[in-house]
Amino acid sequence: MDFISTSLVTLTQPTGFWQSILNAFKSGLGTYIAAVILIAVIVRILFSIVDVINKKITMKNAEINNKMKPELDAVKAKYGNDPALMQQKTNEIYKKYQFNMMGSCIPMLVVMVLQFTVFLTLWNSLQAVSNFNIVEKYENMKSVYTNIIYLNDNEDVKTSLTEAGFTSDDSIEVEIEKVDKDKFLKIYLIKANSDSERIYLDGHDVKLVESFLPEGEESKTENQIVLEMIQKYVQQEKSEESPEENLESGTNDTEDLPEELPEIKYEPNAFSVALQQAAEKAVMQNYIESQESFLWIKNIYKSESPTSPMFTKAEIKNYINSFYTAEEKEAEKKYAFEEKIFDNVVAGINTKALGVNGYYILTIIAIATSVLSLWLSNFLMRKKGQPQQKQGKAMYFIMPLIIGLFTFMYTSLFAIYLIVGQLMMLVLTPLTTLIVKKWNELDEKRKKAKTEVVVDYRRKDN
């Protein structure tokens, strides 16, 4: 099994409408950021076409309402004490002006439902893509770590270090020249107390580790065997508690899993410490080199907040669960292998040195662009002297609040999508409003031309 390029846990790309589009765009453009920006532009352009029709209906209804208002006010004042008669007179006015209350609301509701559907489905898809990439990153780090620790059982490595005179008392520093995911694993081991004598381990094929399932152990999960490897070559101390307690077993008992796992004793050798250091440094290098950032955001798959860009144990435990087989789920629930593996894999990463993932800048920009786009749309649609509608004022708080919460709590990819969409709206709103106004002017001219009576004053001869 190729543990450098293949995850220990079998991962599958999220599937679905948006995920397929995202992955197709990412393949062509190279990054998810570019894919998300392109989707935001396309979605906003499509909605602008729908917006033209919606604005046309809205402006037409607003004009009819302005014409009906004096008559409706008069009916209300005259028949206010008789609701049935007032409704009858109101319906007569609606008929006179050919106004349909239901017909005027349906287009707006359709657009709102469509926008909300796109909003939620795309958010869910981007969150799924982000979770997948976080898990994939962790699994690759785990693969790098496991490959190096496995070198403890490689006779060529043992021979090289033994011939170099390494002992368990040596003070060893480790440098990683390169961790090549496709070709070879290269490690520099430096013996600090021997005039920086170098031992260069090169050419270890990544397919060196073909399987972690020795004969007769096919029933073990890969995480169980990885944990046993860590306990054998990395853990310095071993608790005297029973194996089951030491593995923090849960209360779930199944017939397929043993009540107790065999105790793995730590077996130090001349180069265990060196390989442990090498594993930790290789994982750190792998993490840094595979980090996907954008502007000031260090990890685009997490929210842009003053927290570490590094994923947490809780996130990994939550996200990776969906990729486990039924057997792995039972084993993880009972023995919590992944939690113990995680602690060792990320041991060499200084999370404080990584800094923070952001300062809520995306949240501030998203709220500001949302308010600005709503104000611009309302301003361009409103005629001079016409008061702003109450529901319009409410939207200044509701929509920015919703957008702010989503950018605050979830993946930065979705925050970028929302901001690009709002910026596109700021650009396209004046254009769509102008198109609607010109459309209305053209309708008025046609209507006026039909109702005009043409009088011919020329003298006609009999």
Protein backbone atom coordinates (compact mmCIF):
# COMPACT_ATOMS: atom_id res chain seq x y z
CA MET A 1 0.00 0.00 0.00
CA ASP A 2 1.39 3.42 -0.93
CA PHE A 3 0.96 5.36 2.29
CA ILE A 4 2.58 8.54 1.00
CA SER A 5 0.12 9.13 -1.82
CA THR A 6 -2.79 7.09 -0.51
CA SER A 7 -4.65 7.71 2.73
CA LEU A 8 -4.78 5.10 5.45
CA VAL A 9 -8.54 5.59 5.61
CA THR A 10 -10.30 5.14 2.28
CA LEU A 11 -11.44 8.64 1.33
CA THR A 12 -13.98 9.44 -1.37
CA GLN A 13 -14.57 12.85 -2.88
CA PRO A 14 -17.93 14.40 -1.92
CA THR A 15 -20.45 13.93 -4.72
CA GLY A 16 -23.35 16.06 -5.81
CA PHE A 17 -24.29 18.85 -8.19
CA TRP A 18 -22.14 21.62 -6.73
CA GLN A 19 -19.30 19.31 -5.74
CA SER A 20 -19.01 18.07 -9.32
CA ILE A 21 -18.89 21.64 -10.65
CA LEU A 22 -16.39 22.68 -7.97
CA ASN A 23 -14.05 19.77 -8.70
CA ALA A 24 -14.32 20.32 -12.46
CA PHE A 25 -13.46 24.03 -12.11
CA LYS A 26 -10.70 23.23 -9.63
CA SER A 27 -9.16 20.76 -12.09
CA GLY A 28 -9.14 23.42 -14.78
CA LEU A 29 -8.14 26.44 -12.67
CA GLY A 30 -5.85 24.75 -10.17
CA THR A 31 -7.37 25.94 -6.88
CA TYR A 32 -10.67 25.87 -5.06
CA ILE A 33 -10.43 29.64 -4.53
CA ALA A 34 -10.49 30.26 -8.29
CA ALA A 35 -13.31 27.71 -8.67
CA VAL A 36 -15.41 29.41 -5.98
CA ILE A 37 -14.86 32.88 -7.48
CA LEU A 38 -15.90 31.64 -10.93
CA ILE A 39 -19.03 29.98 -9.52
CA ALA A 40 -19.94 33.19 -7.65
CA VAL A 41 -19.62 35.22 -10.86
CA ILE A 42 -21.69 32.77 -12.92
CA VAL A 43 -24.43 32.42 -10.26
CA ARG A 44 -24.71 36.20 -9.84
CA ILE A 45 -24.96 36.78 -13.60
CA LEU A 46 -27.72 34.16 -13.87
CA PHE A 47 -29.60 35.69 -10.95
CA SER A 48 -29.25 39.12 -12.55
CA ILE A 49 -31.23 37.88 -15.54
CA VAL A 50 -33.95 36.67 -13.18
CA ASP A 51 -33.63 39.92 -11.25
CA VAL A 52 -34.52 41.95 -14.35
CA ILE A 53 -37.87 40.15 -14.62
CA ASN A 54 -38.50 40.44 -10.88
CA LYS A 55 -37.71 44.17 -10.87
CA LYS A 56 -39.95 44.69 -13.88
CA ILE A 57 -42.89 43.17 -12.01
CA THR A 58 -42.00 45.02 -8.80
CA MET A 59 -41.79 48.42 -10.51
CA LYS A 60 -45.05 47.81 -12.36
CA ASN A 61 -46.81 46.88 -9.12
CA ALA A 62 -45.33 49.89 -7.32
CA GLU A 63 -46.68 52.19 -10.05
CA ILE A 64 -50.16 50.63 -9.85
CA ASN A 65 -50.12 50.90 -6.04
CA ASN A 66 -49.29 54.62 -6.28
CA LYS A 67 -52.27 55.12 -8.63
CA MET A 68 -54.63 53.10 -6.41
CA LYS A 69 -53.52 54.62 -3.11
CA PRO A 70 -55.84 57.68 -3.09
CA GLU A 71 -58.88 55.52 -3.92
CA LEU A 72 -57.90 52.84 -1.38
CA ASP A 73 -57.45 55.50 1.32
CA ALA A 74 -60.87 56.90 0.51
CA VAL A 75 -62.48 53.46 0.73
CA LYS A 76 -60.80 52.80 4.05
CA ALA A 77 -61.98 56.13 5.47
CA LYS A 78 -65.56 55.66 4.21
CA TYR A 79 -66.12 51.96 4.91
CA GLY A 80 -63.67 51.34 7.74
CA ASN A 81 -66.44 50.26 10.09
CA ASP A 82 -67.75 47.67 7.64
CA PRO A 83 -64.90 45.23 6.81
CA ALA A 84 -66.95 43.17 4.35
CA LEU A 85 -68.04 46.19 2.33
CA MET A 86 -64.55 47.69 2.50
CA GLN A 87 -63.08 44.47 1.08
CA GLN A 88 -65.69 44.47 -1.68
CA LYS A 89 -64.85 48.05 -2.69
CA THR A 90 -61.12 47.28 -2.47
CA ASN A 91 -61.54 44.33 -4.83
CA GLU A 92 -63.40 46.58 -7.26
CA ILE A 93 -60.44 48.97 -7.29
CA TYR A 94 -58.03 46.06 -7.85
CA LYS A 95 -60.18 44.92 -10.79
CA LYS A 96 -60.31 48.45 -12.19
CA TYR A 97 -56.51 48.64 -12.28
CA GLN A 98 -56.07 44.94 -13.21
CA PHE A 99 -54.05 44.32 -10.04
CA ASN A 100 -53.64 40.76 -8.73
CA MET A 101 -52.27 40.58 -5.21
CA MET A 102 -51.28 36.91 -5.50
CA GLY A 103 -49.78 37.36 -8.96
CA SER A 104 -47.60 40.22 -7.72
CA CYS A 105 -46.17 38.13 -4.83
CA ILE A 106 -45.52 34.82 -6.57
CA PRO A 107 -42.54 35.97 -8.75
CA MET A 108 -40.86 37.50 -5.71
CA LEU A 109 -41.42 34.33 -3.65
CA VAL A 110 -40.08 32.14 -6.46
CA VAL A 111 -36.88 34.22 -6.67
CA MET A 112 -36.45 34.17 -2.88
CA VAL A 113 -36.89 30.38 -2.70
CA LEU A 114 -34.46 29.90 -5.59
CA GLN A 115 -31.84 32.14 -3.99
CA PHE A 116 -32.25 30.48 -0.60
CA THR A 117 -31.93 27.02 -2.18
CA VAL A 118 -28.70 27.97 -3.97
CA PHE A 119 -27.42 29.59 -0.76
CA LEU A 120 -27.99 26.50 1.42
CA THR A 121 -26.97 23.82 -1.09
CA LEU A 122 -23.77 25.63 -2.06
CA TRP A 123 -22.92 26.28 1.60
CA ASN A 124 -23.41 22.59 2.39
CA SER A 125 -21.29 21.55 -0.61
CA LEU A 126 -18.43 23.93 0.21
CA GLN A 127 -18.45 22.75 3.82
CA ALA A 128 -18.31 19.11 2.66
CA VAL A 129 -15.41 19.90 0.30
CA SER A 130 -13.59 21.72 3.12
CA ASN A 131 -14.09 18.84 5.55
CA PHE A 132 -12.85 16.36 2.95
CA ASN A 133 -9.69 18.38 2.30
CA ILE A 134 -8.98 18.70 6.02
CA VAL A 135 -9.30 14.93 6.47
CA GLU A 136 -7.21 14.23 3.37
CA LYS A 137 -4.48 16.55 4.63
CA TYR A 138 -4.43 14.81 8.00
CA GLU A 139 -4.40 11.34 6.43
CA ASN A 140 -1.43 12.29 4.25
CA MET A 141 0.41 13.58 7.33
CA LYS A 142 -0.41 10.32 9.11
CA SER A 143 0.90 8.37 6.11
CA VAL A 144 4.20 10.27 6.12
CA TYR A 145 4.59 9.73 9.86
CA THR A 146 3.76 6.05 9.67
CA ASN A 147 6.13 5.40 6.78
CA ILE A 148 9.09 6.80 8.70
CA ILE A 149 8.24 5.00 11.94
CA TYR A 150 7.97 1.78 9.94
CA LEU A 151 11.62 2.16 8.98
CA ASN A 152 12.40 0.77 12.45
CA ASP A 153 11.65 -2.64 10.97
CA ASN A 154 13.64 -2.07 7.78
CA GLU A 155 16.89 -4.04 7.82
CA ASP A 156 18.69 -1.70 5.38
CA VAL A 157 18.08 1.28 7.67
CA LYS A 158 19.13 -0.69 10.74
CA THR A 159 22.33 -1.77 9.05
CA SER A 160 23.19 1.78 7.92
CA LEU A 161 22.73 3.20 11.41
CA THR A 162 24.51 0.34 13.15
CA GLU A 163 27.53 0.65 10.86
CA ALA A 164 27.61 4.36 11.59
CA GLY A 165 27.95 3.55 15.28
CA PHE A 166 24.66 4.95 16.52
CA THR A 167 23.68 4.05 20.05
CA SER A 168 20.64 4.83 22.14
CA ASP A 169 22.70 7.44 24.03
CA ASP A 170 23.54 9.51 20.94
CA SER A 171 22.29 13.08 20.76
CA ILE A 172 20.67 13.27 17.36
CA GLU A 173 19.35 16.14 15.30
CA VAL A 174 17.31 15.53 12.20
CA GLU A 175 16.97 17.48 8.97
CA ILE A 176 14.48 16.60 6.26
CA GLU A 177 15.79 17.29 2.79
CA LYS A 178 12.66 16.33 0.94
CA VAL A 179 9.51 14.28 1.29
CA ASP A 180 8.57 13.45 -2.26
CA LYS A 181 4.98 12.17 -2.41
CA ASP A 182 5.46 10.48 -5.79
CA LYS A 183 9.04 9.15 -5.86
CA PHE A 184 11.23 8.69 -2.80
CA LEU A 185 11.36 9.41 0.88
CA LYS A 186 14.64 11.16 1.70
CA ILE A 187 15.87 11.70 5.26
CA TYR A 188 18.99 13.34 6.67
CA LEU A 189 20.08 12.14 10.11
CA ILE A 190 22.73 14.27 11.79
CA LYS A 191 24.87 12.98 14.66
CA ALA A 192 25.39 16.16 16.66
CA ASN A 193 28.14 14.83 18.99
CA SER A 194 30.39 13.50 16.23
CA ASP A 195 31.42 16.61 14.29
CA SER A 196 28.12 16.72 12.42
CA GLU A 197 28.68 13.38 10.80
CA ARG A 198 25.87 12.82 8.30
CA ILE A 199 24.01 9.63 7.59
CA TYR A 200 22.05 10.03 4.35
CA LEU A 201 19.15 7.66 3.93
CA ASP A 202 18.02 7.81 0.33
CA GLY A 203 16.02 5.83 -2.15
CA HIS A 204 13.42 4.29 0.12
CA ASP A 205 10.60 3.62 -2.27
CA VAL A 206 7.27 4.91 -0.96
CA LYS A 207 5.82 1.50 -1.79
CA LEU A 208 8.17 0.04 0.81
CA VAL A 209 5.22 -0.37 3.18
CA GLU A 210 2.99 -2.71 1.25
CA SER A 211 0.73 -3.68 4.11
CA PHE A 212 0.25 -3.22 7.82
CA LEU A 213 -1.71 -6.45 8.03
CA PRO A 214 0.68 -9.29 8.97
CA GLU A 215 -0.45 -12.84 8.34
CA GLY A 216 -3.18 -13.81 10.77
CA GLU A 217 -4.04 -10.21 11.68
CA GLU A 218 -6.47 -9.43 8.87
CA SER A 219 -9.22 -8.68 11.40
CA LYS A 220 -7.36 -5.67 12.78
CA THR A 221 -8.20 -2.21 11.54
CA GLU A 222 -5.37 -0.18 10.04
CA ASN A 223 -5.68 2.38 12.84
CA GLN A 224 -5.20 -0.37 15.41
CA ILE A 225 -2.00 -1.55 13.72
CA VAL A 226 -0.70 2.02 13.34
CA LEU A 227 -1.31 2.60 17.05
CA GLU A 228 0.52 -0.62 17.91
CA MET A 229 3.47 0.56 15.82
CA ILE A 230 3.50 3.90 17.67
CA GLN A 231 3.32 2.14 21.04
CA LYS A 232 6.19 -0.14 20.05
CA TYR A 233 8.59 2.47 18.66
CA VAL A 234 7.53 5.91 19.91
CA GLN A 235 5.84 5.88 23.30
CA GLN A 236 8.48 6.21 26.00
CA GLU A 237 6.36 5.16 28.96
CA LYS A 238 3.63 2.60 29.35
CA SER A 239 0.88 2.68 31.95
CA GLU A 240 0.48 -0.29 34.25
CA GLU A 241 -3.28 -0.16 33.77
CA SER A 242 -5.05 -2.96 32.01
CA PRO A 243 -4.87 -2.78 28.20
CA GLU A 244 -8.56 -2.02 27.95
CA GLU A 245 -8.34 0.90 30.39
CA ASN A 246 -5.15 2.13 28.78
CA LEU A 247 -6.96 2.30 25.44
CA GLU A 248 -9.88 4.18 26.99
CA SER A 249 -12.36 1.53 25.91
CA GLY A 250 -15.95 2.60 25.56
CA THR A 251 -19.05 0.89 26.80
CA ASN A 252 -20.01 -0.54 23.42
CA ASP A 253 -19.47 -4.31 23.41
CA THR A 254 -19.50 -6.20 20.16
CA GLU A 255 -18.81 -9.81 19.29
CA ASP A 256 -16.41 -8.79 16.50
CA LEU A 257 -14.03 -6.86 18.76
CA PRO A 258 -11.91 -8.32 21.57
CA GLU A 259 -12.67 -7.27 25.11
CA GLU A 260 -8.97 -6.54 25.65
CA LEU A 261 -6.19 -5.67 23.23
CA PRO A 262 -2.70 -7.15 23.67
CA GLU A 263 -0.34 -4.83 25.50
CA ILE A 264 2.38 -3.41 23.27
CA LYS A 265 5.65 -2.77 25.07
CA TYR A 266 7.97 0.02 24.02
CA GLU A 267 11.09 -1.44 22.40
CA PRO A 268 13.83 1.21 22.21
CA ASN A 269 16.66 0.73 19.75
CA ALA A 270 19.60 2.74 18.49
CA PHE A 271 17.58 4.93 16.17
CA SER A 272 14.00 5.04 17.47
CA VAL A 273 14.42 8.60 18.70
CA ALA A 274 16.01 9.67 15.43
CA LEU A 275 13.17 8.24 13.38
CA GLN A 276 10.58 9.75 15.71
CA GLN A 277 12.19 13.17 15.24
CA ALA A 278 12.36 12.58 11.51
CA ALA A 279 8.68 11.62 11.43
CA GLU A 280 7.61 14.74 13.34
CA LYS A 281 9.69 17.05 11.14
CA ALA A 282 8.50 15.36 7.95
CA VAL A 283 4.89 15.82 9.08
CA MET A 284 5.54 19.50 9.80
CA GLN A 285 7.09 19.93 6.36
CA ASN A 286 4.21 18.12 4.72
CA TYR A 287 1.70 20.33 6.57
CA ILE A 288 3.43 23.58 5.56
CA GLU A 289 3.96 22.57 1.92
CA SER A 290 0.36 21.42 1.45
CA GLN A 291 -1.18 24.42 3.20
CA GLU A 292 -3.71 26.19 0.97
CA SER A 293 -3.86 29.90 1.80
CA PHE A 294 -5.39 33.00 0.27
CA LEU A 295 -4.28 36.57 0.97
CA TRP A 296 -4.00 36.76 4.79
CA ILE A 297 -5.99 33.52 5.34
CA LYS A 298 -3.65 30.63 6.12
CA ASN A 299 -6.17 27.81 5.77
CA ILE A 300 -9.05 28.39 3.35
CA TYR A 301 -10.93 25.35 4.64
CA LYS A 302 -11.47 26.83 8.11
CA SER A 303 -13.31 29.98 9.15
CA GLU A 304 -11.31 33.20 8.99
CA SER A 305 -11.05 33.79 12.74
CA PRO A 306 -8.35 34.41 15.37
CA THR A 307 -7.89 30.66 15.90
CA SER A 308 -5.13 28.37 14.72
CA PRO A 309 -5.21 27.34 11.03
CA MET A 310 -4.38 23.84 12.25
CA PHE A 311 -7.28 21.41 12.46
CA THR A 312 -8.17 20.11 15.89
CA LYS A 313 -8.62 16.59 17.21
CA ALA A 314 -12.36 17.19 17.59
CA GLU A 315 -12.63 18.28 13.94
CA ILE A 316 -10.75 15.24 12.69
CA LYS A 317 -12.80 12.92 14.86
CA ASN A 318 -16.02 14.49 13.58
CA TYR A 319 -15.12 14.74 9.88
CA ILE A 320 -13.34 11.40 9.48
CA ASN A 321 -16.17 9.36 10.99
CA SER A 322 -18.14 9.43 7.73
CA PHE A 323 -15.27 7.65 5.93
CA TYR A 324 -14.97 4.74 8.37
CA THR A 325 -16.31 1.30 7.54
CA ALA A 326 -18.83 -0.21 9.95
CA GLU A 327 -16.03 -2.24 11.56
CA GLU A 328 -13.80 0.82 11.94
CA LYS A 329 -16.64 2.80 13.51
CA GLU A 330 -17.14 0.12 16.14
CA ALA A 331 -13.41 -0.11 16.83
CA GLU A 332 -13.04 3.67 17.11
CA LYS A 333 -16.04 3.92 19.41
CA LYS A 334 -14.62 1.28 21.72
CA TYR A 335 -10.88 1.95 21.68
CA ALA A 336 -10.45 5.52 20.30
CA PHE A 337 -7.42 4.59 18.17
CA GLU A 338 -7.58 7.78 16.11
CA GLU A 339 -7.32 10.08 19.12
CA LYS A 340 -4.05 8.47 20.24
CA ILE A 341 -2.63 8.39 16.72
CA PHE A 342 -3.51 12.08 16.28
CA ASP A 343 -1.56 13.12 19.37
CA ASN A 344 1.59 11.49 18.03
CA VAL A 345 1.25 12.62 14.42
CA VAL A 346 0.85 16.32 15.28
CA ALA A 347 3.34 16.24 18.20
CA GLY A 348 6.01 18.04 16.16
CA ILE A 349 3.76 20.89 15.01
CA ASN A 350 4.00 24.10 17.01
CA THR A 351 0.45 25.44 16.66
CA LYS A 352 1.35 28.74 18.34
CA ALA A 353 4.05 29.38 15.75
CA LEU A 354 1.47 28.95 12.99
CA GLY A 355 -0.32 32.10 14.17
CA VAL A 356 -4.02 32.70 13.60
CA ASN A 357 -6.17 32.10 10.56
CA GLY A 358 -7.56 35.63 10.37
CA TYR A 359 -9.24 38.48 12.19
CA TYR A 360 -12.90 38.31 11.02
CA ILE A 361 -12.03 40.56 8.08
CA LEU A 362 -14.15 38.43 5.72
CA THR A 363 -17.11 38.70 8.10
CA ILE A 364 -16.83 42.50 8.21
CA ILE A 365 -16.49 42.75 4.41
CA ALA A 366 -19.41 40.36 3.86
CA ILE A 367 -21.72 42.36 6.13
CA ALA A 368 -20.63 45.70 4.62
CA THR A 369 -21.09 44.56 1.01
CA SER A 370 -24.48 43.04 1.89
CA VAL A 371 -25.77 46.30 3.41
CA LEU A 372 -24.35 48.32 0.52
CA SER A 373 -25.89 46.10 -2.16
CA LEU A 374 -29.32 46.22 -0.47
CA TRP A 375 -29.15 50.00 -0.13
CA LEU A 376 -28.07 50.46 -3.75
CA SER A 377 -30.85 48.24 -5.07
CA ASN A 378 -33.47 50.05 -2.98
CA PHE A 379 -32.10 53.47 -3.89
CA LEU A 380 -32.12 52.82 -7.63
CA MET A 381 -35.58 51.27 -7.60
CA ARG A 382 -37.20 54.00 -5.50
CA LYS A 383 -38.65 57.04 -7.20
CA LYS A 384 -38.10 60.55 -5.92
CA GLY A 385 -40.35 61.42 -2.99
CA GLN A 386 -41.39 57.81 -2.48
CA PRO A 387 -40.82 56.64 1.13
CA GLN A 388 -38.79 53.54 1.86
CA GLN A 389 -40.91 50.48 2.70
CA LYS A 390 -40.71 49.09 6.23
CA GLN A 391 -39.80 45.63 5.03
CA GLY A 392 -36.92 47.19 3.10
CA LYS A 393 -35.51 48.61 6.31
CA ALA A 394 -35.82 45.24 8.04
CA MET A 395 -33.80 43.56 5.29
CA TYR A 396 -30.88 45.86 6.11
CA PHE A 397 -30.54 43.90 9.37
CA ILE A 398 -31.82 40.41 8.53
CA MET A 399 -29.76 39.57 5.42
CA PRO A 400 -26.43 41.03 6.65
CA LEU A 401 -26.93 39.19 9.96
CA ILE A 402 -27.47 35.85 8.18
CA ILE A 403 -24.48 36.41 5.91
CA GLY A 404 -22.33 37.52 8.86
CA LEU A 405 -23.17 34.37 10.84
CA PHE A 406 -22.29 32.05 7.96
CA THR A 407 -18.95 33.78 7.29
CA PHE A 408 -18.20 33.83 11.02
CA MET A 409 -18.88 30.16 11.68
CA TYR A 410 -18.04 28.21 8.54
CA THR A 411 -15.40 27.63 5.87
CA SER A 412 -13.63 30.64 4.35
CA LEU A 413 -14.53 29.30 0.90
CA PHE A 414 -18.18 30.14 1.48
CA ALA A 415 -17.29 33.58 2.86
CA ILE A 416 -15.32 34.30 -0.31
CA TYR A 417 -18.26 33.11 -2.43
CA LEU A 418 -20.65 35.46 -0.60
CA ILE A 419 -18.33 38.47 -0.86
CA VAL A 420 -17.66 37.96 -4.57
CA GLY A 421 -21.39 37.55 -5.13
CA GLN A 422 -22.16 40.80 -3.28
CA LEU A 423 -19.47 42.69 -5.23
CA MET A 424 -20.90 41.35 -8.48
CA MET A 425 -24.34 42.51 -7.34
CA LEU A 426 -22.99 46.03 -6.72
CA VAL A 427 -21.68 46.09 -10.29
CA LEU A 428 -24.74 44.54 -11.94
CA THR A 429 -27.54 46.26 -9.98
CA PRO A 430 -27.25 49.64 -11.79
CA LEU A 431 -27.24 47.77 -15.12
CA THR A 432 -30.31 45.64 -14.32
CA THR A 433 -32.18 48.68 -12.99
CA LEU A 434 -31.40 50.65 -16.14
CA ILE A 435 -32.61 47.76 -18.32
CA VAL A 436 -35.90 47.60 -16.38
CA LYS A 437 -36.46 51.36 -16.59
CA LYS A 438 -35.84 51.35 -20.34
CA TRP A 439 -38.16 48.36 -20.65
CA ASN A 440 -40.91 50.23 -18.78
CA GLU A 441 -40.43 53.34 -20.91
CA LEU A 442 -40.80 51.23 -24.04
CA ASP A 443 -44.00 49.66 -22.65
CA GLU A 444 -45.40 53.10 -21.88
CA LYS A 445 -44.71 54.30 -25.42
CA ARG A 446 -46.41 51.24 -26.90
CA LYS A 447 -49.39 51.65 -24.58
CA LYS A 448 -49.68 55.33 -25.43
CA ALA A 449 -49.47 54.61 -29.15
CA LYS A 450 -52.36 52.12 -28.92
CA THR A 451 -54.67 54.50 -27.06
CA GLU A 452 -53.92 57.56 -29.21
CA VAL A 453 -56.78 58.59 -31.51
CA VAL A 454 -55.50 59.72 -34.89
CA VAL A 455 -57.64 62.54 -36.41
CA ASP A 456 -57.30 63.24 -40.16
CA TYR A 457 -58.06 66.93 -40.88
CA ARG A 458 -57.48 66.62 -44.62
CA ARG A 459 -60.40 67.40 -46.90
CA LYS A 460 -61.88 64.38 -48.56
CA ASP A 461 -63.44 64.59 -52.02
CA ASN A 462 -66.63 62.69 -52.63
